[in-house]
PDB file of N, CA and C in Angstrom:
ATOM      1  N   UNK A   1      30.194  12.992 -46.184  1.00  0.00           N
ATOM      2  CA  UNK A   1      29.021  13.037 -45.357  1.00  0.00           C
ATOM      3  C   UNK A   1      28.909  14.443 -44.778  1.00  0.00           C
ATOM      4  N   UNK A   2      27.712  14.993 -44.794  1.00  0.00           N
ATOM      5  CA  UNK A   2      27.502  16.355 -44.304  1.00  0.00           C
ATOM      6  C   UNK A   2      27.002  16.330 -42.873  1.00  0.00           C
ATOM      7  N   UNK A   3      27.341  17.365 -42.163  1.00  0.00           N
ATOM      8  CA  UNK A   3      26.891  17.503 -40.786  1.00  0.00           C
ATOM      9  C   UNK A   3      25.671  18.421 -40.785  1.00  0.00           C
ATOM     10  N   UNK A   4      24.503  17.865 -40.363  1.00  0.00           N
ATOM     11  CA  UNK A   4      23.256  18.628 -40.390  1.00  0.00           C
ATOM     12  C   UNK A   4      23.062  19.495 -39.141  1.00  0.00           C
ATOM     13  N   UNK A   5      23.951  19.437 -38.224  1.00  0.00           N
ATOM     14  CA  UNK A   5      23.792  20.189 -36.980  1.00  0.00           C
ATOM     15  C   UNK A   5      24.407  21.580 -37.121  1.00  0.00           C
ATOM     16  N   UNK A   6      23.684  22.525 -36.613  1.00  0.00           N
ATOM     17  CA  UNK A   6      24.146  23.905 -36.637  1.00  0.00           C
ATOM     18  C   UNK A   6      25.003  24.156 -35.389  1.00  0.00           C
ATOM     19  N   UNK A   7      26.262  24.574 -35.557  1.00  0.00           N
ATOM     20  CA  UNK A   7      27.123  24.787 -34.398  1.00  0.00           C
ATOM     21  C   UNK A   7      26.598  25.867 -33.452  1.00  0.00           C
ATOM     22  N   UNK A   8      25.947  26.880 -33.985  1.00  0.00           N
ATOM     23  CA  UNK A   8      25.405  27.937 -33.139  1.00  0.00           C
ATOM     24  C   UNK A   8      24.307  27.391 -32.223  1.00  0.00           C
ATOM     25  N   UNK A   9      23.409  26.538 -32.767  1.00  0.00           N
ATOM     26  CA  UNK A   9      22.345  25.934 -31.955  1.00  0.00           C
ATOM     27  C   UNK A   9      22.924  24.983 -30.910  1.00  0.00           C
ATOM     28  N   UNK A  10      23.934  24.237 -31.281  1.00  0.00           N
ATOM     29  CA  UNK A  10      24.559  23.346 -30.313  1.00  0.00           C
ATOM     30  C   UNK A  10      25.164  24.119 -29.161  1.00  0.00           C
ATOM     31  N   UNK A  11      25.796  25.239 -29.443  1.00  0.00           N
ATOM     32  CA  UNK A  11      26.366  26.082 -28.394  1.00  0.00           C
ATOM     33  C   UNK A  11      25.272  26.665 -27.506  1.00  0.00           C
ATOM     34  N   UNK A  12      24.193  27.101 -28.116  1.00  0.00           N
ATOM     35  CA  UNK A  12      23.077  27.674 -27.373  1.00  0.00           C
ATOM     36  C   UNK A  12      22.457  26.641 -26.430  1.00  0.00           C
ATOM     37  N   UNK A  13      22.237  25.423 -26.922  1.00  0.00           N
ATOM     38  CA  UNK A  13      21.664  24.373 -26.083  1.00  0.00           C
ATOM     39  C   UNK A  13      22.645  23.931 -24.998  1.00  0.00           C
ATOM     40  N   UNK A  14      23.918  23.909 -25.303  1.00  0.00           N
ATOM     41  CA  UNK A  14      24.924  23.528 -24.302  1.00  0.00           C
ATOM     42  C   UNK A  14      24.967  24.542 -23.167  1.00  0.00           C
ATOM     43  N   UNK A  15      24.791  25.815 -23.468  1.00  0.00           N
ATOM     44  CA  UNK A  15      24.788  26.847 -22.422  1.00  0.00           C
ATOM     45  C   UNK A  15      23.520  26.774 -21.574  1.00  0.00           C
ATOM     46  N   UNK A  16      22.397  26.404 -22.180  1.00  0.00           N
ATOM     47  CA  UNK A  16      21.119  26.367 -21.466  1.00  0.00           C
ATOM     48  C   UNK A  16      20.967  25.115 -20.610  1.00  0.00           C
ATOM     49  N   UNK A  17      21.694  24.068 -20.917  1.00  0.00           N
ATOM     50  CA  UNK A  17      21.550  22.818 -20.174  1.00  0.00           C
ATOM     51  C   UNK A  17      22.324  22.902 -18.859  1.00  0.00           C
ATOM     52  N   UNK A  18      21.614  22.770 -17.736  1.00  0.00           N
ATOM     53  CA  UNK A  18      22.317  22.844 -16.444  1.00  0.00           C
ATOM     54  C   UNK A  18      23.063  21.539 -16.167  1.00  0.00           C
ATOM     55  N   UNK A  19      24.160  21.656 -15.466  1.00  0.00           N
ATOM     56  CA  UNK A  19      24.902  20.472 -15.054  1.00  0.00           C
ATOM     57  C   UNK A  19      24.299  19.956 -13.756  1.00  0.00           C
ATOM     58  N   UNK A  20      23.883  18.708 -13.768  1.00  0.00           N
ATOM     59  CA  UNK A  20      23.298  18.108 -12.583  1.00  0.00           C
ATOM     60  C   UNK A  20      24.316  17.184 -11.926  1.00  0.00           C
ATOM     61  N   UNK A  21      24.519  17.408 -10.648  1.00  0.00           N
ATOM     62  CA  UNK A  21      25.382  16.521  -9.883  1.00  0.00           C
ATOM     63  C   UNK A  21      24.564  15.275  -9.560  1.00  0.00           C
ATOM     64  N   UNK A  22      25.022  14.131 -10.016  1.00  0.00           N
ATOM     65  CA  UNK A  22      24.250  12.897  -9.892  1.00  0.00           C
ATOM     66  C   UNK A  22      23.976  12.533  -8.442  1.00  0.00           C
ATOM     67  N   UNK A  23      24.957  12.691  -7.589  1.00  0.00           N
ATOM     68  CA  UNK A  23      24.778  12.293  -6.193  1.00  0.00           C
ATOM     69  C   UNK A  23      23.783  13.198  -5.468  1.00  0.00           C
ATOM     70  N   UNK A  24      23.872  14.487  -5.680  1.00  0.00           N
ATOM     71  CA  UNK A  24      22.935  15.389  -5.006  1.00  0.00           C
ATOM     72  C   UNK A  24      21.523  15.223  -5.569  1.00  0.00           C
ATOM     73  N   UNK A  25      21.415  14.966  -6.852  1.00  0.00           N
ATOM     74  CA  UNK A  25      20.100  14.732  -7.450  1.00  0.00           C
ATOM     75  C   UNK A  25      19.460  13.482  -6.859  1.00  0.00           C
ATOM     76  N   UNK A  26      20.225  12.408  -6.756  1.00  0.00           N
ATOM     77  CA  UNK A  26      19.715  11.164  -6.188  1.00  0.00           C
ATOM     78  C   UNK A  26      19.316  11.363  -4.734  1.00  0.00           C
ATOM     79  N   UNK A  27      20.113  12.092  -3.989  1.00  0.00           N
ATOM     80  CA  UNK A  27      19.801  12.355  -2.583  1.00  0.00           C
ATOM     81  C   UNK A  27      18.503  13.140  -2.450  1.00  0.00           C
ATOM     82  N   UNK A  28      18.308  14.150  -3.297  1.00  0.00           N
ATOM     83  CA  UNK A  28      17.073  14.939  -3.248  1.00  0.00           C
ATOM     84  C   UNK A  28      15.859  14.089  -3.583  1.00  0.00           C
ATOM     85  N   UNK A  29      15.979  13.254  -4.603  1.00  0.00           N
ATOM     86  CA  UNK A  29      14.851  12.414  -5.003  1.00  0.00           C
ATOM     87  C   UNK A  29      14.506  11.418  -3.901  1.00  0.00           C
ATOM     88  N   UNK A  30      15.505  10.787  -3.325  1.00  0.00           N
ATOM     89  CA  UNK A  30      15.253   9.805  -2.266  1.00  0.00           C
ATOM     90  C   UNK A  30      14.687  10.472  -1.012  1.00  0.00           C
ATOM     91  N   UNK A  31      15.157  11.654  -0.683  1.00  0.00           N
ATOM     92  CA  UNK A  31      14.632  12.384   0.474  1.00  0.00           C
ATOM     93  C   UNK A  31      13.175  12.757   0.253  1.00  0.00           C
ATOM     94  N   UNK A  32      12.864  13.216  -0.944  1.00  0.00           N
ATOM     95  CA  UNK A  32      11.484  13.576  -1.260  1.00  0.00           C
ATOM     96  C   UNK A  32      10.574  12.348  -1.229  1.00  0.00           C
ATOM     97  N   UNK A  33      11.039  11.216  -1.737  1.00  0.00           N
ATOM     98  CA  UNK A  33      10.234   9.991  -1.710  1.00  0.00           C
ATOM     99  C   UNK A  33      10.016   9.518  -0.270  1.00  0.00           C
ATOM    100  N   UNK A  34      11.051   9.594   0.548  1.00  0.00           N
ATOM    101  CA  UNK A  34      10.926   9.198   1.958  1.00  0.00           C
ATOM    102  C   UNK A  34       9.954  10.125   2.683  1.00  0.00           C
ATOM    103  N   UNK A  35      10.037  11.424   2.406  1.00  0.00           N
ATOM    104  CA  UNK A  35       9.137  12.388   3.028  1.00  0.00           C
ATOM    105  C   UNK A  35       7.690  12.097   2.642  1.00  0.00           C
ATOM    106  N   UNK A  36       7.442  11.770   1.380  1.00  0.00           N
ATOM    107  CA  UNK A  36       6.085  11.465   0.939  1.00  0.00           C
ATOM    108  C   UNK A  36       5.554  10.210   1.627  1.00  0.00           C
ATOM    109  N   UNK A  37       6.408   9.214   1.802  1.00  0.00           N
ATOM    110  CA  UNK A  37       5.980   7.988   2.475  1.00  0.00           C
ATOM    111  C   UNK A  37       5.651   8.265   3.934  1.00  0.00           C
ATOM    112  N   UNK A  38       6.491   9.034   4.622  1.00  0.00           N
ATOM    113  CA  UNK A  38       6.217   9.377   6.015  1.00  0.00           C
ATOM    114  C   UNK A  38       4.947  10.214   6.140  1.00  0.00           C
ATOM    115  N   UNK A  39       4.743  11.111   5.194  1.00  0.00           N
ATOM    116  CA  UNK A  39       3.535  11.931   5.216  1.00  0.00           C
ATOM    117  C   UNK A  39       2.290  11.075   5.023  1.00  0.00           C
ATOM    118  N   UNK A  40       2.354  10.110   4.120  1.00  0.00           N
ATOM    119  CA  UNK A  40       1.220   9.222   3.899  1.00  0.00           C
ATOM    120  C   UNK A  40       0.924   8.386   5.146  1.00  0.00           C
ATOM    121  N   UNK A  41       1.969   7.896   5.804  1.00  0.00           N
ATOM    122  CA  UNK A  41       1.779   7.130   7.040  1.00  0.00           C
ATOM    123  C   UNK A  41       1.156   8.022   8.110  1.00  0.00           C
ATOM    124  N   UNK A  42       1.618   9.248   8.219  1.00  0.00           N
ATOM    125  CA  UNK A  42       1.071  10.170   9.220  1.00  0.00           C
ATOM    126  C   UNK A  42      -0.395  10.489   8.937  1.00  0.00           C
ATOM    127  N   UNK A  43      -0.738  10.671   7.680  1.00  0.00           N
ATOM    128  CA  UNK A  43      -2.131  10.969   7.322  1.00  0.00           C
ATOM    129  C   UNK A  43      -3.035   9.800   7.678  1.00  0.00           C
ATOM    130  N   UNK A  44      -2.650   8.586   7.293  1.00  0.00           N
ATOM    131  CA  UNK A  44      -3.477   7.417   7.589  1.00  0.00           C
ATOM    132  C   UNK A  44      -3.561   7.163   9.092  1.00  0.00           C
ATOM    133  N   UNK A  45      -2.482   7.397   9.806  1.00  0.00           N
ATOM    134  CA  UNK A  45      -2.517   7.236  11.266  1.00  0.00           C
ATOM    135  C   UNK A  45      -3.459   8.258  11.886  1.00  0.00           C
ATOM    136  N   UNK A  46      -3.427   9.480  11.394  1.00  0.00           N
ATOM    137  CA  UNK A  46      -4.335  10.508  11.890  1.00  0.00           C
ATOM    138  C   UNK A  46      -5.796  10.183  11.612  1.00  0.00           C
ATOM    139  N   UNK A  47      -6.067   9.672  10.417  1.00  0.00           N
ATOM    140  CA  UNK A  47      -7.439   9.287  10.076  1.00  0.00           C
ATOM    141  C   UNK A  47      -7.913   8.152  10.984  1.00  0.00           C
ATOM    142  N   UNK A  48      -7.050   7.160  11.197  1.00  0.00           N
ATOM    143  CA  UNK A  48      -7.417   6.042  12.065  1.00  0.00           C
ATOM    144  C   UNK A  48      -7.651   6.513  13.495  1.00  0.00           C
ATOM    145  N   UNK A  49      -6.803   7.404  13.982  1.00  0.00           N
ATOM    146  CA  UNK A  49      -6.966   7.930  15.330  1.00  0.00           C
ATOM    147  C   UNK A  49      -8.257   8.740  15.445  1.00  0.00           C
ATOM    148  N   UNK A  50      -8.545   9.563  14.445  1.00  0.00           N
ATOM    149  CA  UNK A  50      -9.768  10.366  14.471  1.00  0.00           C
ATOM    150  C   UNK A  50     -11.006   9.477  14.455  1.00  0.00           C
ATOM    151  N   UNK A  51     -11.005   8.442  13.623  1.00  0.00           N
ATOM    152  CA  UNK A  51     -12.144   7.520  13.587  1.00  0.00           C
ATOM    153  C   UNK A  51     -12.303   6.772  14.905  1.00  0.00           C
ATOM    154  N   UNK A  52     -11.182   6.381  15.500  1.00  0.00           N
ATOM    155  CA  UNK A  52     -11.233   5.692  16.782  1.00  0.00           C
ATOM    156  C   UNK A  52     -11.799   6.595  17.869  1.00  0.00           C
ATOM    157  N   UNK A  53     -11.355   7.847  17.904  1.00  0.00           N
ATOM    158  CA  UNK A  53     -11.872   8.791  18.897  1.00  0.00           C
ATOM    159  C   UNK A  53     -13.356   9.070  18.698  1.00  0.00           C
ATOM    160  N   UNK A  54     -13.774   9.223  17.456  1.00  0.00           N
ATOM    161  CA  UNK A  54     -15.200   9.452  17.179  1.00  0.00           C
ATOM    162  C   UNK A  54     -16.036   8.253  17.617  1.00  0.00           C
ATOM    163  N   UNK A  55     -15.564   7.061  17.323  1.00  0.00           N
ATOM    164  CA  UNK A  55     -16.302   5.864  17.725  1.00  0.00           C
ATOM    165  C   UNK A  55     -16.352   5.732  19.243  1.00  0.00           C
ATOM    166  N   UNK A  56     -15.257   6.081  19.909  1.00  0.00           N
ATOM    167  CA  UNK A  56     -15.227   5.989  21.368  1.00  0.00           C
ATOM    168  C   UNK A  56     -16.165   7.012  22.004  1.00  0.00           C
ATOM    169  N   UNK A  57     -16.178   8.228  21.475  1.00  0.00           N
ATOM    170  CA  UNK A  57     -17.043   9.274  22.012  1.00  0.00           C
ATOM    171  C   UNK A  57     -18.511   8.930  21.790  1.00  0.00           C
ATOM    172  N   UNK A  58     -18.832   8.381  20.649  1.00  0.00           N
ATOM    173  CA  UNK A  58     -20.223   8.051  20.331  1.00  0.00           C
ATOM    174  C   UNK A  58     -20.695   6.751  20.972  1.00  0.00           C
ATOM    175  N   UNK A  59     -19.798   5.981  21.561  1.00  0.00           N
ATOM    176  CA  UNK A  59     -20.175   4.743  22.224  1.00  0.00           C
ATOM    177  C   UNK A  59     -20.448   3.596  21.270  1.00  0.00           C
ATOM    178  N   UNK A  60     -19.939   3.689  20.073  1.00  0.00           N
ATOM    179  CA  UNK A  60     -20.181   2.665  19.067  1.00  0.00           C
ATOM    180  C   UNK A  60     -19.327   1.409  19.273  1.00  0.00           C
ATOM    181  N   UNK A  61     -18.155   1.477  19.858  1.00  0.00           N
ATOM    182  CA  UNK A  61     -17.245   0.331  19.832  1.00  0.00           C
ATOM    183  C   UNK A  61     -17.824  -0.974  20.351  1.00  0.00           C
ATOM    184  N   UNK A  62     -18.584  -0.942  21.436  1.00  0.00           N
ATOM    185  CA  UNK A  62     -19.075  -2.197  21.984  1.00  0.00           C
ATOM    186  C   UNK A  62     -20.024  -2.889  21.026  1.00  0.00           C
ATOM    187  N   UNK A  63     -20.979  -2.170  20.507  1.00  0.00           N
ATOM    188  CA  UNK A  63     -21.941  -2.767  19.585  1.00  0.00           C
ATOM    189  C   UNK A  63     -21.272  -3.127  18.258  1.00  0.00           C
ATOM    190  N   UNK A  64     -20.492  -2.210  17.755  1.00  0.00           N
ATOM    191  CA  UNK A  64     -19.847  -2.430  16.469  1.00  0.00           C
ATOM    192  C   UNK A  64     -18.841  -3.576  16.549  1.00  0.00           C
ATOM    193  N   UNK A  65     -18.051  -3.610  17.614  1.00  0.00           N
ATOM    194  CA  UNK A  65     -17.064  -4.676  17.773  1.00  0.00           C
ATOM    195  C   UNK A  65     -17.741  -6.032  17.864  1.00  0.00           C
ATOM    196  N   UNK A  66     -18.864  -6.105  18.566  1.00  0.00           N
ATOM    197  CA  UNK A  66     -19.589  -7.369  18.682  1.00  0.00           C
ATOM    198  C   UNK A  66     -20.073  -7.844  17.306  1.00  0.00           C
ATOM    199  N   UNK A  67     -20.614  -6.938  16.518  1.00  0.00           N
ATOM    200  CA  UNK A  67     -21.114  -7.300  15.183  1.00  0.00           C
ATOM    201  C   UNK A  67     -19.961  -7.741  14.280  1.00  0.00           C
ATOM    202  N   UNK A  68     -18.848  -7.008  14.318  1.00  0.00           N
ATOM    203  CA  UNK A  68     -17.696  -7.352  13.476  1.00  0.00           C
ATOM    204  C   UNK A  68     -17.125  -8.708  13.871  1.00  0.00           C
ATOM    205  N   UNK A  69     -16.964  -8.939  15.162  1.00  0.00           N
ATOM    206  CA  UNK A  69     -16.396 -10.202  15.624  1.00  0.00           C
ATOM    207  C   UNK A  69     -17.314 -11.366  15.270  1.00  0.00           C
ATOM    208  N   UNK A  70     -18.587 -11.197  15.471  1.00  0.00           N
ATOM    209  CA  UNK A  70     -19.525 -12.279  15.143  1.00  0.00           C
ATOM    210  C   UNK A  70     -19.554 -12.569  13.647  1.00  0.00           C
ATOM    211  N   UNK A  71     -19.474 -11.518  12.829  1.00  0.00           N
ATOM    212  CA  UNK A  71     -19.539 -11.745  11.386  1.00  0.00           C
ATOM    213  C   UNK A  71     -18.240 -12.335  10.840  1.00  0.00           C
ATOM    214  N   UNK A  72     -17.091 -11.891  11.357  1.00  0.00           N
ATOM    215  CA  UNK A  72     -15.822 -12.398  10.835  1.00  0.00           C
ATOM    216  C   UNK A  72     -15.476 -13.793  11.344  1.00  0.00           C
ATOM    217  N   UNK A  73     -16.022 -14.194  12.469  1.00  0.00           N
ATOM    218  CA  UNK A  73     -15.720 -15.531  13.000  1.00  0.00           C
ATOM    219  C   UNK A  73     -16.778 -16.558  12.644  1.00  0.00           C
ATOM    220  N   UNK A  74     -17.677 -16.204  11.757  1.00  0.00           N
ATOM    221  CA  UNK A  74     -18.671 -17.166  11.302  1.00  0.00           C
ATOM    222  C   UNK A  74     -17.967 -18.266  10.521  1.00  0.00           C
ATOM    223  N   UNK A  75     -18.152 -19.540  10.921  1.00  0.00           N
ATOM    224  CA  UNK A  75     -17.459 -20.632  10.218  1.00  0.00           C
ATOM    225  C   UNK A  75     -17.964 -20.815   8.791  1.00  0.00           C
ATOM    226  N   UNK A  76     -17.065 -21.194   7.915  1.00  0.00           N
ATOM    227  CA  UNK A  76     -17.441 -21.464   6.529  1.00  0.00           C
ATOM    228  C   UNK A  76     -18.125 -22.825   6.412  1.00  0.00           C
ATOM    229  N   UNK A  77     -17.591 -23.815   7.102  1.00  0.00           N
ATOM    230  CA  UNK A  77     -18.146 -25.163   7.099  1.00  0.00           C
ATOM    231  C   UNK A  77     -18.316 -25.639   8.534  1.00  0.00           C
ATOM    232  N   UNK A  78     -19.436 -26.297   8.817  1.00  0.00           N
ATOM    233  CA  UNK A  78     -19.663 -26.836  10.148  1.00  0.00           C
ATOM    234  C   UNK A  78     -19.001 -28.207  10.232  1.00  0.00           C
ATOM    235  N   UNK A  79     -17.955 -28.303  11.036  1.00  0.00           N
ATOM    236  CA  UNK A  79     -17.189 -29.539  11.152  1.00  0.00           C
ATOM    237  C   UNK A  79     -17.451 -30.274  12.458  1.00  0.00           C
ATOM    238  N   UNK A  80     -18.403 -29.813  13.238  1.00  0.00           N
ATOM    239  CA  UNK A  80     -18.689 -30.447  14.510  1.00  0.00           C
ATOM    240  C   UNK A  80     -17.806 -29.892  15.608  1.00  0.00           C
ATOM    241  N   UNK A  81     -17.518 -30.755  16.615  1.00  0.00           N
ATOM    242  CA  UNK A  81     -16.724 -30.277  17.742  1.00  0.00           C
ATOM    243  C   UNK A  81     -15.538 -31.190  18.020  1.00  0.00           C
ATOM    244  N   UNK A  82     -15.101 -31.953  17.061  1.00  0.00           N
ATOM    245  CA  UNK A  82     -13.977 -32.867  17.250  1.00  0.00           C
ATOM    246  C   UNK A  82     -12.634 -32.163  17.102  1.00  0.00           C
ATOM    247  N   UNK A  83     -11.587 -32.960  17.110  1.00  0.00           N
ATOM    248  CA  UNK A  83     -10.234 -32.410  17.005  1.00  0.00           C
ATOM    249  C   UNK A  83      -9.995 -31.755  15.652  1.00  0.00           C
ATOM    250  N   UNK A  84     -10.652 -32.278  14.603  1.00  0.00           N
ATOM    251  CA  UNK A  84     -10.494 -31.693  13.270  1.00  0.00           C
ATOM    252  C   UNK A  84     -11.052 -30.270  13.237  1.00  0.00           C
ATOM    253  N   UNK A  85     -12.196 -30.070  13.867  1.00  0.00           N
ATOM    254  CA  UNK A  85     -12.804 -28.741  13.903  1.00  0.00           C
ATOM    255  C   UNK A  85     -11.905 -27.760  14.644  1.00  0.00           C
ATOM    256  N   UNK A  86     -11.295 -28.190  15.750  1.00  0.00           N
ATOM    257  CA  UNK A  86     -10.417 -27.311  16.517  1.00  0.00           C
ATOM    258  C   UNK A  86      -9.123 -27.006  15.767  1.00  0.00           C
ATOM    259  N   UNK A  87      -8.622 -27.966  14.998  1.00  0.00           N
ATOM    260  CA  UNK A  87      -7.363 -27.726  14.285  1.00  0.00           C
ATOM    261  C   UNK A  87      -7.552 -26.842  13.051  1.00  0.00           C
ATOM    262  N   UNK A  88      -8.730 -26.896  12.455  1.00  0.00           N
ATOM    263  CA  UNK A  88      -8.997 -26.109  11.243  1.00  0.00           C
ATOM    264  C   UNK A  88      -9.683 -24.780  11.578  1.00  0.00           C
ATOM    265  N   UNK A  89     -10.084 -24.589  12.815  1.00  0.00           N
ATOM    266  CA  UNK A  89     -10.836 -23.386  13.210  1.00  0.00           C
ATOM    267  C   UNK A  89     -10.164 -22.064  12.813  1.00  0.00           C
ATOM    268  N   UNK A  90      -8.834 -21.920  12.917  1.00  0.00           N
ATOM    269  CA  UNK A  90      -8.241 -20.615  12.550  1.00  0.00           C
ATOM    270  C   UNK A  90      -8.416 -20.232  11.085  1.00  0.00           C
ATOM    271  N   UNK A  91      -8.599 -21.186  10.201  1.00  0.00           N
ATOM    272  CA  UNK A  91      -8.762 -20.859   8.782  1.00  0.00           C
ATOM    273  C   UNK A  91     -10.162 -21.143   8.272  1.00  0.00           C
ATOM    274  N   UNK A  92     -11.054 -21.609   9.142  1.00  0.00           N
ATOM    275  CA  UNK A  92     -12.410 -21.946   8.738  1.00  0.00           C
ATOM    276  C   UNK A  92     -13.374 -20.835   9.131  1.00  0.00           C
ATOM    277  N   UNK A  93     -13.076 -19.611   8.724  1.00  0.00           N
ATOM    278  CA  UNK A  93     -13.997 -18.507   9.006  1.00  0.00           C
ATOM    279  C   UNK A  93     -13.889 -17.448   7.910  1.00  0.00           C
ATOM    280  N   UNK A  94     -14.820 -16.529   7.954  1.00  0.00           N
ATOM    281  CA  UNK A  94     -14.893 -15.495   6.919  1.00  0.00           C
ATOM    282  C   UNK A  94     -13.710 -14.540   7.008  1.00  0.00           C
ATOM    283  N   UNK A  95     -13.250 -14.257   8.218  1.00  0.00           N
ATOM    284  CA  UNK A  95     -12.110 -13.347   8.397  1.00  0.00           C
ATOM    285  C   UNK A  95     -10.859 -13.845   7.711  1.00  0.00           C
ATOM    286  N   UNK A  96     -10.560 -15.142   7.872  1.00  0.00           N
ATOM    287  CA  UNK A  96      -9.363 -15.688   7.221  1.00  0.00           C
ATOM    288  C   UNK A  96      -9.520 -15.685   5.707  1.00  0.00           C
ATOM    289  N   UNK A  97     -10.740 -15.897   5.234  1.00  0.00           N
ATOM    290  CA  UNK A  97     -10.983 -15.835   3.792  1.00  0.00           C
ATOM    291  C   UNK A  97     -10.726 -14.424   3.258  1.00  0.00           C
ATOM    292  N   UNK A  98     -11.156 -13.404   4.009  1.00  0.00           N
ATOM    293  CA  UNK A  98     -10.904 -12.016   3.598  1.00  0.00           C
ATOM    294  C   UNK A  98      -9.422 -11.679   3.625  1.00  0.00           C
ATOM    295  N   UNK A  99      -8.707 -12.176   4.633  1.00  0.00           N
ATOM    296  CA  UNK A  99      -7.264 -11.927   4.712  1.00  0.00           C
ATOM    297  C   UNK A  99      -6.550 -12.572   3.535  1.00  0.00           C
ATOM    298  N   UNK A 100      -6.903 -13.820   3.213  1.00  0.00           N
ATOM    299  CA  UNK A 100      -6.281 -14.507   2.076  1.00  0.00           C
ATOM    300  C   UNK A 100      -6.598 -13.798   0.756  1.00  0.00           C
ATOM    301  N   UNK A 101      -7.832 -13.316   0.615  1.00  0.00           N
ATOM    302  CA  UNK A 101      -8.199 -12.583  -0.607  1.00  0.00           C
ATOM    303  C   UNK A 101      -7.409 -11.281  -0.713  1.00  0.00           C
ATOM    304  N   UNK A 102      -7.243 -10.568   0.400  1.00  0.00           N
ATOM    305  CA  UNK A 102      -6.476  -9.317   0.380  1.00  0.00           C
ATOM    306  C   UNK A 102      -5.015  -9.583   0.035  1.00  0.00           C
ATOM    307  N   UNK A 103      -4.442 -10.656   0.580  1.00  0.00           N
ATOM    308  CA  UNK A 103      -3.056 -10.994   0.257  1.00  0.00           C
ATOM    309  C   UNK A 103      -2.915 -11.358  -1.217  1.00  0.00           C
ATOM    310  N   UNK A 104      -3.889 -12.072  -1.766  1.00  0.00           N
ATOM    311  CA  UNK A 104      -3.850 -12.432  -3.178  1.00  0.00           C
ATOM    312  C   UNK A 104      -3.912 -11.183  -4.057  1.00  0.00           C
ATOM    313  N   UNK A 105      -4.803 -10.259  -3.724  1.00  0.00           N
ATOM    314  CA  UNK A 105      -4.925  -9.021  -4.498  1.00  0.00           C
ATOM    315  C   UNK A 105      -3.630  -8.225  -4.423  1.00  0.00           C
ATOM    316  N   UNK A 106      -3.045  -8.143  -3.222  1.00  0.00           N
ATOM    317  CA  UNK A 106      -1.782  -7.410  -3.060  1.00  0.00           C
ATOM    318  C   UNK A 106      -0.665  -8.047  -3.869  1.00  0.00           C
ATOM    319  N   UNK A 107      -0.604  -9.381  -3.857  1.00  0.00           N
ATOM    320  CA  UNK A 107       0.424 -10.079  -4.620  1.00  0.00           C
ATOM    321  C   UNK A 107       0.253  -9.829  -6.119  1.00  0.00           C
ATOM    322  N   UNK A 108      -0.989  -9.883  -6.604  1.00  0.00           N
ATOM    323  CA  UNK A 108      -1.240  -9.646  -8.021  1.00  0.00           C
ATOM    324  C   UNK A 108      -0.916  -8.204  -8.416  1.00  0.00           C
ATOM    325  N   UNK A 109      -1.242  -7.244  -7.543  1.00  0.00           N
ATOM    326  CA  UNK A 109      -0.914  -5.854  -7.844  1.00  0.00           C
ATOM    327  C   UNK A 109       0.594  -5.626  -7.892  1.00  0.00           C
ATOM    328  N   UNK A 110       1.318  -6.233  -6.957  1.00  0.00           N
ATOM    329  CA  UNK A 110       2.773  -6.091  -6.969  1.00  0.00           C
ATOM    330  C   UNK A 110       3.362  -6.713  -8.228  1.00  0.00           C
ATOM    331  N   UNK A 111       2.826  -7.848  -8.619  1.00  0.00           N
ATOM    332  CA  UNK A 111       3.329  -8.518  -9.821  1.00  0.00           C
ATOM    333  C   UNK A 111       3.005  -7.694 -11.060  1.00  0.00           C
ATOM    334  N   UNK A 112       1.815  -7.103 -11.105  1.00  0.00           N
ATOM    335  CA  UNK A 112       1.433  -6.295 -12.262  1.00  0.00           C
ATOM    336  C   UNK A 112       2.248  -5.014 -12.341  1.00  0.00           C
ATOM    337  N   UNK A 113       2.524  -4.399 -11.196  1.00  0.00           N
ATOM    338  CA  UNK A 113       3.325  -3.170 -11.202  1.00  0.00           C
ATOM    339  C   UNK A 113       4.769  -3.429 -11.554  1.00  0.00           C
ATOM    340  N   UNK A 114       5.279  -4.610 -11.217  1.00  0.00           N
ATOM    341  CA  UNK A 114       6.671  -4.923 -11.482  1.00  0.00           C
ATOM    342  C   UNK A 114       6.891  -5.553 -12.850  1.00  0.00           C
ATOM    343  N   UNK A 115       5.812  -5.827 -13.571  1.00  0.00           N
ATOM    344  CA  UNK A 115       5.944  -6.470 -14.861  1.00  0.00           C
ATOM    345  C   UNK A 115       6.467  -5.485 -15.914  1.00  0.00           C
ATOM    346  N   UNK A 116       7.213  -6.013 -16.839  1.00  0.00           N
ATOM    347  CA  UNK A 116       7.671  -5.172 -17.939  1.00  0.00           C
ATOM    348  C   UNK A 116       6.830  -5.511 -19.163  1.00  0.00           C
ATOM    349  N   UNK A 117       6.182  -4.518 -19.687  1.00  0.00           N
ATOM    350  CA  UNK A 117       5.291  -4.717 -20.824  1.00  0.00           C
ATOM    351  C   UNK A 117       5.990  -4.273 -22.110  1.00  0.00           C
ATOM    352  N   UNK A 118       6.873  -5.098 -22.597  1.00  0.00           N
ATOM    353  CA  UNK A 118       7.635  -4.744 -23.802  1.00  0.00           C
ATOM    354  C   UNK A 118       7.098  -5.465 -24.994  1.00  0.00           C
TER     355      UNK A 118
END
């Protein structure tokens, strides 16, 4: 059996390949990932704070909050005023439907990202 590899090329590639310390490489990658996550949290917090300040300065919160609360607490089904209506009230509105839909979408995205497509 013949060896198709050129010893000179193997030596050249061996000299060019840097030795990576596994522990320091892992530490750098994890630090960079943690930094990116903290940066993303800081950016979103800043955006939320800026929007809140703008809304407060413009005087929008009272009107806007009233509209949001009225729209999200609109009942899906009119059940009257009995004990059944009071017990189902926390889930019988548009807001709870939106929360459940968001949780479903998040669950499906996590499942799709974690799936192995082999």
